């Protein structure tokens, strides 16, 4: 099923987990003792919010937000359904920056290529079965990150990937994702070794535990936040599937657990109040594209069966130096 480039299929999600286990990985959050219960432990220590986007602004202060809408080239070169690859690169990058910031790994902050995730995921992992249509599955993107790796934005012999946002290189992603060959070999070689553990969260509780552990994620589902942010900075989702980055967890003003979503549609989506009200009376300033979602609404998304959330952790030795 295709919604705005976000493809959802529980069979592919489950097959991805099986493939990762066969490769010696441990992708199931519920079976990871280090992740399970992390949000409850954080709240017991008095933590009200774990928010990762400020790290992007700390390490790349001049970098503009990247959005699919508003910066697209004229049709027919429009965005070809890159939301899953954008959600995945942001999730990987935010976690990597958090690990560097907390000195869990020693490495160089870099900007990752969403075009590579899209192209390699569709053509190599997905074996070009989608043809020239747009979009991809979250599980495919997770396999790119975990089993192949992601290259940084840089100049390569075959292509200049150093051009960064807000436009990025959507047309290039489209070519790599539909040419049945994928990215050039020198870019694939550059990606190898820069891998991320992929953790699959199957419930809102597991999502909260991943985020409390500092693992941002790519969340694909058939309910997306399209309305305006309310007085508390929250959005009530409506039926319109999309993949976004899950970038934080917090205690909302009403005492419920809330989740920080970071979408890729456009500068003013959602619109409305940009101050997220937290449970202790403090505020978090929302950047363009960020908004809060209540846990009760996340429950609805998971109960529908059309939801999957992959969270990422940069492996020791995989960072850039």
Protein backbone atom coordinates (compact mmCIF):
# COMPACT_ATOMS: atom_id res chain seq x y z
CA UNK A 1 0.00 0.00 0.00
CA UNK A 2 1.46 3.42 -0.97
CA UNK A 3 0.84 6.67 0.88
CA UNK A 4 2.95 9.74 0.03
CA UNK A 5 6.00 7.56 -0.69
CA UNK A 6 5.62 5.57 2.53
CA UNK A 7 5.01 1.89 1.71
CA UNK A 8 3.65 -0.33 4.47
CA UNK A 9 3.67 -4.12 4.57
CA UNK A 10 3.92 -6.10 7.84
CA UNK A 11 5.41 -9.03 5.94
CA UNK A 12 8.34 -6.92 4.74
CA UNK A 13 8.78 -5.43 8.21
CA UNK A 14 8.92 -8.91 9.77
CA UNK A 15 11.17 -10.29 7.03
CA UNK A 16 13.59 -7.43 7.67
CA UNK A 17 13.79 -8.37 11.34
CA UNK A 18 14.43 -12.00 10.40
CA UNK A 19 17.18 -11.00 7.96
CA UNK A 20 18.87 -8.82 10.57
CA UNK A 21 18.76 -11.62 13.12
CA UNK A 22 20.25 -14.00 10.55
CA UNK A 23 23.07 -11.48 10.05
CA UNK A 24 23.84 -11.61 13.77
CA UNK A 25 22.00 -8.44 14.77
CA UNK A 26 19.44 -8.04 17.54
CA UNK A 27 16.70 -5.80 16.12
CA UNK A 28 13.79 -6.44 18.52
CA UNK A 29 13.49 -3.69 21.15
CA UNK A 30 11.46 -5.84 23.54
CA UNK A 31 14.37 -8.29 23.73
CA UNK A 32 17.01 -5.63 24.42
CA UNK A 33 17.51 -5.21 28.15
CA UNK A 34 19.39 -1.95 27.68
CA UNK A 35 16.43 -0.37 25.88
CA UNK A 36 13.47 -1.92 27.68
CA UNK A 37 12.15 0.32 30.46
CA UNK A 38 14.47 3.25 29.60
CA UNK A 39 11.69 5.88 29.62
CA UNK A 40 10.39 4.77 33.03
CA UNK A 41 13.93 4.87 34.40
CA UNK A 42 14.49 8.35 32.96
CA UNK A 43 11.27 9.71 34.47
CA UNK A 44 12.20 8.19 37.83
CA UNK A 45 15.38 10.31 37.66
CA UNK A 46 13.27 13.42 37.07
CA UNK A 47 13.76 13.64 33.29
CA UNK A 48 10.85 15.43 31.59
CA UNK A 49 12.07 15.39 27.98
CA UNK A 50 14.71 13.83 25.75
CA UNK A 51 14.91 16.03 22.63
CA UNK A 52 17.47 15.32 19.89
CA UNK A 53 16.97 18.02 17.16
CA UNK A 54 18.97 20.69 19.06
CA UNK A 55 22.04 18.57 18.36
CA UNK A 56 21.57 19.11 14.61
CA UNK A 57 21.60 22.86 15.21
CA UNK A 58 24.55 22.62 17.59
CA UNK A 59 26.85 20.78 15.21
CA UNK A 60 25.54 22.25 11.94
CA UNK A 61 24.29 25.73 12.91
CA UNK A 62 24.17 27.07 9.36
CA UNK A 63 22.40 24.08 7.87
CA UNK A 64 18.90 24.68 6.49
CA UNK A 65 15.97 22.35 6.99
CA UNK A 66 15.40 19.87 4.18
CA UNK A 67 11.82 19.53 2.98
CA UNK A 68 10.17 17.71 0.12
CA UNK A 69 7.64 20.44 -0.60
CA UNK A 70 8.34 24.07 -1.27
CA UNK A 71 11.83 23.39 -2.62
CA UNK A 72 11.02 20.86 -5.32
CA UNK A 73 12.26 21.25 -8.90
CA UNK A 74 9.45 21.78 -11.44
CA UNK A 75 7.54 18.72 -12.52
CA UNK A 76 8.18 16.15 -13.86
CA UNK A 77 11.27 16.28 -11.64
CA UNK A 78 9.19 16.44 -8.46
CA UNK A 79 10.06 14.62 -5.26
CA UNK A 80 9.67 10.94 -5.94
CA UNK A 81 8.50 9.77 -2.53
CA UNK A 82 11.69 10.15 -0.49
CA UNK A 83 10.10 10.50 2.95
CA UNK A 84 11.29 7.08 4.22
CA UNK A 85 14.88 7.76 3.23
CA UNK A 86 14.71 11.27 4.73
CA UNK A 87 13.24 9.95 7.97
CA UNK A 88 15.95 7.30 8.15
CA UNK A 89 18.93 9.56 7.48
CA UNK A 90 17.70 12.05 10.08
CA UNK A 91 17.17 9.27 12.62
CA UNK A 92 20.67 7.89 12.06
CA UNK A 93 22.25 11.31 12.07
CA UNK A 94 20.56 12.54 15.25
CA UNK A 95 21.58 9.40 17.13
CA UNK A 96 25.15 9.65 15.86
CA UNK A 97 25.37 13.29 16.98
CA UNK A 98 23.98 12.37 20.40
CA UNK A 99 26.57 9.58 20.79
CA UNK A 100 29.36 11.99 19.83
CA UNK A 101 27.99 14.71 22.11
CA UNK A 102 27.86 12.35 25.08
CA UNK A 103 31.31 10.94 24.20
CA UNK A 104 29.96 7.44 23.75
CA UNK A 105 31.86 7.34 20.47
CA UNK A 106 34.76 9.44 19.19
CA UNK A 107 34.02 10.63 15.71
CA UNK A 108 33.49 13.48 13.27
CA UNK A 109 29.97 14.88 12.80
CA UNK A 110 28.90 14.42 9.18
CA UNK A 111 25.76 14.92 7.11
CA UNK A 112 24.39 11.67 5.69
CA UNK A 113 22.95 11.12 2.21
CA UNK A 114 19.23 10.33 1.99
CA UNK A 115 19.62 9.89 -1.78
CA UNK A 116 21.81 6.84 -1.19
CA UNK A 117 19.31 5.23 1.18
CA UNK A 118 16.55 5.73 -1.38
CA UNK A 119 18.55 4.49 -4.36
CA UNK A 120 20.26 1.50 -2.73
CA UNK A 121 17.16 0.51 -0.79
CA UNK A 122 14.92 0.39 -3.86
CA UNK A 123 17.31 -1.14 -6.37
CA UNK A 124 19.59 -3.43 -4.37
CA UNK A 125 17.61 -4.33 -1.23
CA UNK A 126 14.24 -4.18 -3.01
CA UNK A 127 15.63 -5.65 -6.25
CA UNK A 128 13.93 -2.94 -8.32
CA UNK A 129 10.54 -4.58 -7.81
CA UNK A 130 8.84 -1.16 -7.56
CA UNK A 131 9.91 -0.20 -11.07
CA UNK A 132 9.58 3.52 -11.77
CA UNK A 133 6.94 4.21 -9.12
CA UNK A 134 7.93 6.19 -6.03
CA UNK A 135 8.33 5.37 -2.36
CA UNK A 136 9.94 2.57 -0.39
CA UNK A 137 9.49 0.39 2.71
CA UNK A 138 10.90 1.28 6.10
CA UNK A 139 12.43 -2.17 6.41
CA UNK A 140 14.43 -1.67 3.25
CA UNK A 141 15.89 1.57 4.60
CA UNK A 142 16.71 -0.17 7.90
CA UNK A 143 18.61 -2.87 6.01
CA UNK A 144 20.62 -0.23 4.13
CA UNK A 145 21.63 1.40 7.41
CA UNK A 146 22.37 -1.86 9.24
CA UNK A 147 23.86 -4.16 6.62
CA UNK A 148 25.44 -1.83 4.04
CA UNK A 149 25.98 1.59 5.59
CA UNK A 150 25.32 5.20 4.63
CA UNK A 151 27.82 7.58 2.97
CA UNK A 152 28.41 11.13 4.08
CA UNK A 153 27.79 14.09 1.82
CA UNK A 154 31.05 14.62 -0.05
CA UNK A 155 32.53 14.82 -3.54
CA UNK A 156 33.07 11.40 -5.05
CA UNK A 157 34.70 10.50 -8.34
CA UNK A 158 31.36 9.63 -9.92
CA UNK A 159 29.13 12.29 -8.35
CA UNK A 160 29.18 15.39 -6.18
CA UNK A 161 27.06 14.66 -3.11
CA UNK A 162 28.37 17.66 -1.20
CA UNK A 163 25.40 19.79 -2.26
CA UNK A 164 23.22 19.91 0.83
CA UNK A 165 19.72 21.06 1.73
CA UNK A 166 17.17 22.53 1.44
CA UNK A 167 16.85 21.02 -2.02
CA UNK A 168 19.32 18.19 -1.69
CA UNK A 169 19.41 16.16 -4.87
CA UNK A 170 15.91 14.76 -5.28
CA UNK A 171 16.41 14.18 -9.00
CA UNK A 172 19.50 12.09 -8.24
CA UNK A 173 17.60 10.02 -5.69
CA UNK A 174 14.98 9.38 -8.36
CA UNK A 175 17.59 8.20 -10.87
CA UNK A 176 19.33 5.91 -8.40
CA UNK A 177 16.00 4.51 -7.25
CA UNK A 178 14.68 3.66 -10.71
CA UNK A 179 17.73 2.83 -12.86
CA UNK A 180 17.88 -0.86 -11.72
CA UNK A 181 21.57 -0.35 -10.89
CA UNK A 182 21.44 1.87 -7.83
CA UNK A 183 24.19 4.29 -6.74
CA UNK A 184 27.67 4.17 -8.33
CA UNK A 185 30.13 1.65 -6.93
CA UNK A 186 32.48 4.26 -5.46
CA UNK A 187 29.62 5.70 -3.40
CA UNK A 188 28.61 2.20 -2.27
CA UNK A 189 32.22 1.56 -1.25
CA UNK A 190 32.22 4.81 0.73
CA UNK A 191 29.09 3.71 2.60
CA UNK A 192 30.47 0.36 3.66
CA UNK A 193 31.59 0.24 7.24
CA UNK A 194 29.45 3.19 8.32
CA UNK A 195 26.60 1.12 9.70
CA UNK A 196 23.91 1.55 12.35
CA UNK A 197 22.15 -1.02 14.51
CA UNK A 198 18.45 -0.96 13.65
CA UNK A 199 15.99 -1.45 16.52
CA UNK A 200 12.35 -2.24 15.68
CA UNK A 201 9.78 -0.76 18.09
CA UNK A 202 6.36 -2.42 17.89
CA UNK A 203 4.47 -0.37 20.50
CA UNK A 204 4.44 3.25 21.71
CA UNK A 205 6.08 2.06 24.93
CA UNK A 206 8.99 0.61 22.95
CA UNK A 207 9.23 3.80 20.91
CA UNK A 208 9.48 5.81 24.14
CA UNK A 209 12.19 3.48 25.45
CA UNK A 210 14.22 3.84 22.24
CA UNK A 211 13.96 7.63 22.31
CA UNK A 212 14.80 7.77 26.02
CA UNK A 213 17.90 5.73 25.12
CA UNK A 214 18.81 8.43 22.61
CA UNK A 215 17.93 6.40 19.51
CA UNK A 216 15.99 8.50 17.01
CA UNK A 217 13.89 6.64 14.48
CA UNK A 218 12.01 6.56 11.19
CA UNK A 219 8.28 6.13 11.81
CA UNK A 220 6.08 4.97 8.92
CA UNK A 221 2.32 4.88 9.45
CA UNK A 222 -1.04 5.55 7.85
CA UNK A 223 -1.89 8.42 10.21
CA UNK A 224 0.07 11.66 9.87
CA UNK A 225 -0.02 15.07 11.53
CA UNK A 226 -1.47 17.44 8.97
CA UNK A 227 -3.46 19.85 11.13
CA UNK A 228 -2.20 22.96 12.91
CA UNK A 229 -0.36 22.71 16.23
CA UNK A 230 -2.63 23.57 19.14
CA UNK A 231 -1.88 25.87 22.08
CA UNK A 232 0.36 23.16 23.55
CA UNK A 233 2.26 22.48 20.33
CA UNK A 234 0.46 19.18 19.75
CA UNK A 235 -1.19 17.82 16.59
CA UNK A 236 -3.99 15.25 16.42
CA UNK A 237 -3.20 12.93 13.48
CA UNK A 238 -5.51 12.29 10.55
CA UNK A 239 -5.52 9.56 7.86
CA UNK A 240 -2.66 10.43 5.53
CA UNK A 241 0.35 8.15 5.70
CA UNK A 242 3.89 9.41 5.75
CA UNK A 243 7.30 8.57 7.20
CA UNK A 244 8.77 11.04 9.65
CA UNK A 245 11.64 11.13 12.11
CA UNK A 246 10.80 10.42 15.73
CA UNK A 247 13.17 12.80 17.46
CA UNK A 248 12.15 12.99 21.11
CA UNK A 249 9.97 11.83 23.99
CA UNK A 250 8.54 14.02 26.73
CA UNK A 251 5.94 14.41 29.44
CA UNK A 252 3.16 16.50 27.89
CA UNK A 253 1.31 19.30 29.63
CA UNK A 254 -1.56 16.92 30.46
CA UNK A 255 0.84 14.41 32.05
CA UNK A 256 0.65 11.96 29.15
CA UNK A 257 3.74 10.76 27.33
CA UNK A 258 4.29 12.73 24.13
CA UNK A 259 6.45 12.13 21.08
CA UNK A 260 8.36 14.71 19.04
CA UNK A 261 7.77 14.19 15.31
CA UNK A 262 9.90 15.86 12.64
CA UNK A 263 8.34 15.73 9.20
CA UNK A 264 9.75 16.47 5.74
CA UNK A 265 6.77 17.96 3.90
CA UNK A 266 7.37 21.69 4.13
CA UNK A 267 8.41 24.75 6.14
CA UNK A 268 4.94 25.49 7.49
CA UNK A 269 3.61 21.96 7.94
CA UNK A 270 2.26 21.86 10.50
CA UNK A 271 1.49 25.51 11.19
CA UNK A 272 0.38 27.01 14.48
CA UNK A 273 1.94 27.47 17.91
CA UNK A 274 5.65 26.63 17.92
CA UNK A 275 6.07 26.31 21.67
CA UNK A 276 5.66 22.79 23.01
CA UNK A 277 4.33 22.81 26.58
CA UNK A 278 5.98 20.25 28.85
CA UNK A 279 4.67 18.61 31.98
CA UNK A 280 6.87 20.62 34.36
CA UNK A 281 5.65 23.96 32.97
CA UNK A 282 8.67 24.55 30.77
CA UNK A 283 8.62 24.98 26.98
CA UNK A 284 10.50 23.48 24.05
CA UNK A 285 10.83 25.71 20.98
CA UNK A 286 9.71 23.76 17.92
CA UNK A 287 11.69 24.25 14.71
CA UNK A 288 9.94 24.10 11.31
CA UNK A 289 8.45 20.65 10.78
CA UNK A 290 8.45 19.61 14.44
CA UNK A 291 5.31 18.89 16.46
CA UNK A 292 4.10 16.83 19.39
CA UNK A 293 1.83 13.76 19.35
CA UNK A 294 0.14 12.19 22.37
CA UNK A 295 0.80 8.56 23.21
CA UNK A 296 -2.93 7.83 22.94
CA UNK A 297 -2.78 8.82 19.26
CA UNK A 298 0.35 6.73 18.71
CA UNK A 299 -1.56 3.76 20.13
CA UNK A 300 -4.18 4.21 17.39
CA UNK A 301 -1.50 4.13 14.71
CA UNK A 302 0.01 0.89 15.99
CA UNK A 303 -3.37 -0.76 16.51
CA UNK A 304 -4.26 -0.10 12.87
CA UNK A 305 -1.44 -2.44 11.85
CA UNK A 306 -0.11 0.15 9.41
CA UNK A 307 2.85 1.36 11.48
CA UNK A 308 6.50 0.52 11.96
CA UNK A 309 9.23 2.40 13.78
CA UNK A 310 12.93 1.69 13.19
CA UNK A 311 15.41 3.32 15.56
CA UNK A 312 19.13 3.60 14.96
CA UNK A 313 22.40 3.41 16.88
CA UNK A 314 25.80 4.11 15.34
CA UNK A 315 28.01 1.06 15.89
CA UNK A 316 31.37 1.59 17.57
CA UNK A 317 33.98 1.66 14.84
CA UNK A 318 31.46 2.80 12.22
CA UNK A 319 31.79 6.51 12.89
CA UNK A 320 33.69 8.94 10.69
CA UNK A 321 37.08 10.16 11.94
